[in-house]
Amino acid sequence: MQQPADQKLLLEIQVEANPPADIHWLLDGGDLAQKLARADYRVLSDRNQSKLIVEPPVPEGLYSVEASNAHGTVKSGTNVCTR
């Protein structure tokens, strides 16, 4: 996806899971906390929904999310390119 470098990045996920899923966001396969300063992003989660907000300048890369519970894990991702 194309992302203006000077605008916030907003990614959202909603899953159907019972019991509720644990949701984790990744950047280029690694934990966000290891890739970005804590002030550069926020994760807002409520039950089976989660939003990732990244403040500009937005780093390019593969943003992915994993949702898991006792029944398994689901993964999804998107490549972000800035312009």
N, C-alpha and C. Protein backbone atom coordinates (compact mmCIF):
# COMPACT_ATOMS: atom_id res chain seq x y z
N MET A 1 0.83 -1.17 0.00
CA MET A 1 0.00 0.00 0.00
C MET A 1 0.88 1.23 0.00
N GLN A 2 0.44 2.28 -0.66
CA GLN A 2 1.15 3.55 -0.68
C GLN A 2 0.70 4.40 0.50
N GLN A 3 1.64 5.00 1.19
CA GLN A 3 1.36 5.81 2.37
C GLN A 3 2.13 7.11 2.28
N PRO A 4 1.45 8.26 2.37
CA PRO A 4 2.18 9.52 2.43
C PRO A 4 3.09 9.53 3.66
N ALA A 5 4.35 9.87 3.47
CA ALA A 5 5.33 9.82 4.56
C ALA A 5 5.00 10.78 5.69
N ASP A 6 4.25 11.83 5.39
CA ASP A 6 3.96 12.85 6.40
C ASP A 6 2.59 12.68 7.07
N GLN A 7 1.94 11.53 6.88
CA GLN A 7 0.64 11.28 7.49
C GLN A 7 0.69 10.02 8.35
N LYS A 8 -0.17 9.98 9.38
CA LYS A 8 -0.25 8.80 10.23
C LYS A 8 -0.67 7.58 9.43
N LEU A 9 -0.14 6.44 9.80
CA LEU A 9 -0.55 5.16 9.24
C LEU A 9 -1.55 4.52 10.21
N LEU A 10 -2.68 4.08 9.71
CA LEU A 10 -3.68 3.40 10.52
C LEU A 10 -3.98 2.04 9.90
N LEU A 11 -3.73 0.99 10.65
CA LEU A 11 -4.05 -0.37 10.23
C LEU A 11 -4.99 -0.95 11.28
N GLU A 12 -6.00 -1.70 10.82
CA GLU A 12 -7.00 -2.26 11.73
C GLU A 12 -7.22 -3.74 11.43
N ILE A 13 -7.57 -4.48 12.47
CA ILE A 13 -7.93 -5.88 12.30
C ILE A 13 -9.10 -6.19 13.23
N GLN A 14 -9.98 -7.04 12.74
CA GLN A 14 -11.07 -7.57 13.56
C GLN A 14 -11.16 -9.06 13.25
N VAL A 15 -11.16 -9.87 14.29
CA VAL A 15 -11.23 -11.32 14.11
C VAL A 15 -12.40 -11.88 14.90
N GLU A 16 -12.88 -13.02 14.46
CA GLU A 16 -13.89 -13.76 15.22
C GLU A 16 -13.15 -14.87 15.93
N ALA A 17 -13.16 -14.82 17.26
CA ALA A 17 -12.42 -15.81 18.03
C ALA A 17 -13.08 -16.01 19.39
N ASN A 18 -13.20 -17.28 19.78
CA ASN A 18 -13.71 -17.62 21.09
C ASN A 18 -12.91 -18.81 21.60
N PRO A 19 -12.09 -18.66 22.61
CA PRO A 19 -11.91 -17.48 23.44
C PRO A 19 -11.27 -16.33 22.66
N PRO A 20 -11.37 -15.10 23.19
CA PRO A 20 -10.79 -13.95 22.49
C PRO A 20 -9.32 -14.16 22.16
N ALA A 21 -8.92 -13.58 21.04
CA ALA A 21 -7.55 -13.74 20.55
C ALA A 21 -6.60 -12.74 21.20
N ASP A 22 -5.34 -13.16 21.34
CA ASP A 22 -4.25 -12.25 21.66
C ASP A 22 -3.74 -11.72 20.33
N ILE A 23 -3.63 -10.40 20.18
CA ILE A 23 -3.26 -9.79 18.91
C ILE A 23 -1.92 -9.08 19.07
N HIS A 24 -0.99 -9.39 18.15
CA HIS A 24 0.36 -8.82 18.19
C HIS A 24 0.71 -8.24 16.82
N TRP A 25 1.22 -7.01 16.81
CA TRP A 25 1.65 -6.34 15.57
C TRP A 25 3.16 -6.49 15.41
N LEU A 26 3.58 -6.64 14.16
CA LEU A 26 4.99 -6.83 13.83
C LEU A 26 5.40 -5.90 12.69
N LEU A 27 6.67 -5.59 12.63
CA LEU A 27 7.23 -4.84 11.50
C LEU A 27 8.43 -5.62 10.99
N ASP A 28 8.39 -6.00 9.73
CA ASP A 28 9.45 -6.81 9.10
C ASP A 28 9.76 -8.06 9.92
N GLY A 29 8.71 -8.67 10.48
CA GLY A 29 8.86 -9.92 11.20
C GLY A 29 9.30 -9.78 12.65
N GLY A 30 9.60 -8.56 13.09
CA GLY A 30 10.06 -8.35 14.46
C GLY A 30 9.06 -7.56 15.28
N ASP A 31 9.21 -7.65 16.58
CA ASP A 31 8.34 -6.93 17.51
C ASP A 31 8.44 -5.42 17.27
N LEU A 32 7.30 -4.74 17.27
CA LEU A 32 7.29 -3.29 17.06
C LEU A 32 8.18 -2.56 18.05
N ALA A 33 8.18 -2.99 19.31
CA ALA A 33 8.97 -2.31 20.34
C ALA A 33 10.46 -2.35 20.03
N GLN A 34 10.91 -3.34 19.27
CA GLN A 34 12.32 -3.44 18.89
C GLN A 34 12.61 -2.62 17.63
N LYS A 35 11.59 -2.32 16.85
CA LYS A 35 11.78 -1.63 15.58
C LYS A 35 11.50 -0.13 15.65
N LEU A 36 10.55 0.26 16.52
CA LEU A 36 10.13 1.66 16.61
C LEU A 36 10.22 2.15 18.04
N ALA A 37 10.48 3.45 18.21
CA ALA A 37 10.43 4.04 19.55
C ALA A 37 8.98 4.02 20.04
N ARG A 38 8.77 3.85 21.31
CA ARG A 38 7.42 3.74 21.86
C ARG A 38 6.56 4.96 21.54
N ALA A 39 7.15 6.13 21.46
CA ALA A 39 6.39 7.35 21.16
C ALA A 39 5.94 7.41 19.70
N ASP A 40 6.48 6.53 18.86
CA ASP A 40 6.19 6.57 17.42
C ASP A 40 4.96 5.76 17.02
N TYR A 41 4.41 4.97 17.93
CA TYR A 41 3.24 4.16 17.58
C TYR A 41 2.36 3.91 18.80
N ARG A 42 1.09 3.56 18.50
CA ARG A 42 0.14 3.18 19.54
C ARG A 42 -0.63 1.97 19.05
N VAL A 43 -0.96 1.08 19.96
CA VAL A 43 -1.82 -0.06 19.67
C VAL A 43 -3.03 0.06 20.58
N LEU A 44 -4.20 0.09 19.96
CA LEU A 44 -5.47 0.16 20.70
C LEU A 44 -6.21 -1.15 20.47
N SER A 45 -6.41 -1.92 21.52
CA SER A 45 -7.05 -3.23 21.38
C SER A 45 -8.24 -3.35 22.32
N ASP A 46 -9.29 -4.01 21.82
CA ASP A 46 -10.47 -4.30 22.62
C ASP A 46 -11.05 -5.62 22.14
N ARG A 47 -10.91 -6.64 22.99
CA ARG A 47 -11.35 -8.00 22.65
C ARG A 47 -10.74 -8.47 21.33
N ASN A 48 -11.53 -8.69 20.30
CA ASN A 48 -11.01 -9.23 19.04
C ASN A 48 -10.78 -8.16 17.98
N GLN A 49 -10.56 -6.93 18.42
CA GLN A 49 -10.27 -5.83 17.50
C GLN A 49 -8.98 -5.16 17.93
N SER A 50 -8.23 -4.65 16.96
CA SER A 50 -7.00 -3.93 17.28
C SER A 50 -6.70 -2.93 16.18
N LYS A 51 -6.14 -1.78 16.59
CA LYS A 51 -5.70 -0.75 15.66
C LYS A 51 -4.24 -0.45 15.94
N LEU A 52 -3.48 -0.28 14.87
CA LEU A 52 -2.10 0.17 14.96
C LEU A 52 -2.03 1.55 14.34
N ILE A 53 -1.52 2.52 15.10
CA ILE A 53 -1.35 3.88 14.61
C ILE A 53 0.14 4.21 14.69
N VAL A 54 0.73 4.54 13.53
CA VAL A 54 2.15 4.89 13.47
C VAL A 54 2.25 6.35 13.09
N GLU A 55 2.99 7.10 13.91
CA GLU A 55 3.18 8.53 13.67
C GLU A 55 4.22 8.76 12.57
N PRO A 56 4.07 9.87 11.81
CA PRO A 56 5.05 10.16 10.77
C PRO A 56 6.40 10.59 11.37
N PRO A 57 7.48 10.37 10.66
CA PRO A 57 7.53 9.71 9.36
C PRO A 57 7.34 8.20 9.52
N VAL A 58 6.54 7.63 8.66
CA VAL A 58 6.19 6.21 8.73
C VAL A 58 7.29 5.38 8.08
N PRO A 59 7.87 4.44 8.82
CA PRO A 59 8.88 3.56 8.22
C PRO A 59 8.25 2.61 7.20
N GLU A 60 8.95 2.41 6.11
CA GLU A 60 8.51 1.43 5.12
C GLU A 60 8.78 0.03 5.64
N GLY A 61 8.03 -0.94 5.15
CA GLY A 61 8.29 -2.32 5.51
C GLY A 61 7.02 -3.15 5.50
N LEU A 62 7.17 -4.40 5.93
CA LEU A 62 6.05 -5.33 6.01
C LEU A 62 5.44 -5.23 7.41
N TYR A 63 4.24 -4.66 7.48
CA TYR A 63 3.48 -4.59 8.72
C TYR A 63 2.58 -5.81 8.76
N SER A 64 2.69 -6.59 9.82
CA SER A 64 1.86 -7.78 9.92
C SER A 64 1.27 -7.88 11.31
N VAL A 65 0.26 -8.73 11.40
CA VAL A 65 -0.45 -8.91 12.66
C VAL A 65 -0.74 -10.40 12.83
N GLU A 66 -0.65 -10.85 14.06
CA GLU A 66 -0.97 -12.23 14.40
C GLU A 66 -2.05 -12.23 15.47
N ALA A 67 -3.07 -13.01 15.26
CA ALA A 67 -4.14 -13.20 16.24
C ALA A 67 -4.15 -14.67 16.62
N SER A 68 -4.03 -14.95 17.91
CA SER A 68 -3.95 -16.35 18.31
C SER A 68 -4.74 -16.59 19.60
N ASN A 69 -5.25 -17.81 19.69
CA ASN A 69 -5.88 -18.30 20.91
C ASN A 69 -5.63 -19.81 20.97
N ALA A 70 -6.34 -20.49 21.84
CA ALA A 70 -6.11 -21.93 22.04
C ALA A 70 -6.39 -22.75 20.78
N HIS A 71 -7.14 -22.21 19.83
CA HIS A 71 -7.51 -22.94 18.63
C HIS A 71 -6.58 -22.72 17.45
N GLY A 72 -5.65 -21.77 17.57
CA GLY A 72 -4.72 -21.55 16.47
C GLY A 72 -4.33 -20.10 16.31
N THR A 73 -3.64 -19.84 15.19
CA THR A 73 -3.10 -18.51 14.89
C THR A 73 -3.45 -18.14 13.46
N VAL A 74 -3.82 -16.88 13.28
CA VAL A 74 -4.09 -16.31 11.96
C VAL A 74 -3.14 -15.15 11.76
N LYS A 75 -2.55 -15.05 10.55
CA LYS A 75 -1.60 -13.98 10.25
C LYS A 75 -2.06 -13.23 9.01
N SER A 76 -1.77 -11.94 8.99
CA SER A 76 -2.06 -11.11 7.83
C SER A 76 -1.02 -10.00 7.79
N GLY A 77 -0.78 -9.47 6.59
CA GLY A 77 0.21 -8.39 6.50
C GLY A 77 0.07 -7.58 5.23
N THR A 78 0.73 -6.44 5.22
CA THR A 78 0.76 -5.58 4.05
C THR A 78 2.09 -4.86 3.98
N ASN A 79 2.61 -4.71 2.77
CA ASN A 79 3.82 -3.92 2.56
C ASN A 79 3.44 -2.46 2.49
N VAL A 80 4.14 -1.62 3.24
CA VAL A 80 3.88 -0.19 3.23
C VAL A 80 5.06 0.50 2.58
N CYS A 81 4.76 1.29 1.55
CA CYS A 81 5.76 2.10 0.86
C CYS A 81 5.34 3.56 1.01
N THR A 82 6.29 4.42 1.36
CA THR A 82 5.96 5.83 1.52
C THR A 82 6.24 6.58 0.22
N ARG A 83 5.54 7.70 0.06
CA ARG A 83 5.75 8.53 -1.12
C ARG A 83 5.91 9.97 -0.72
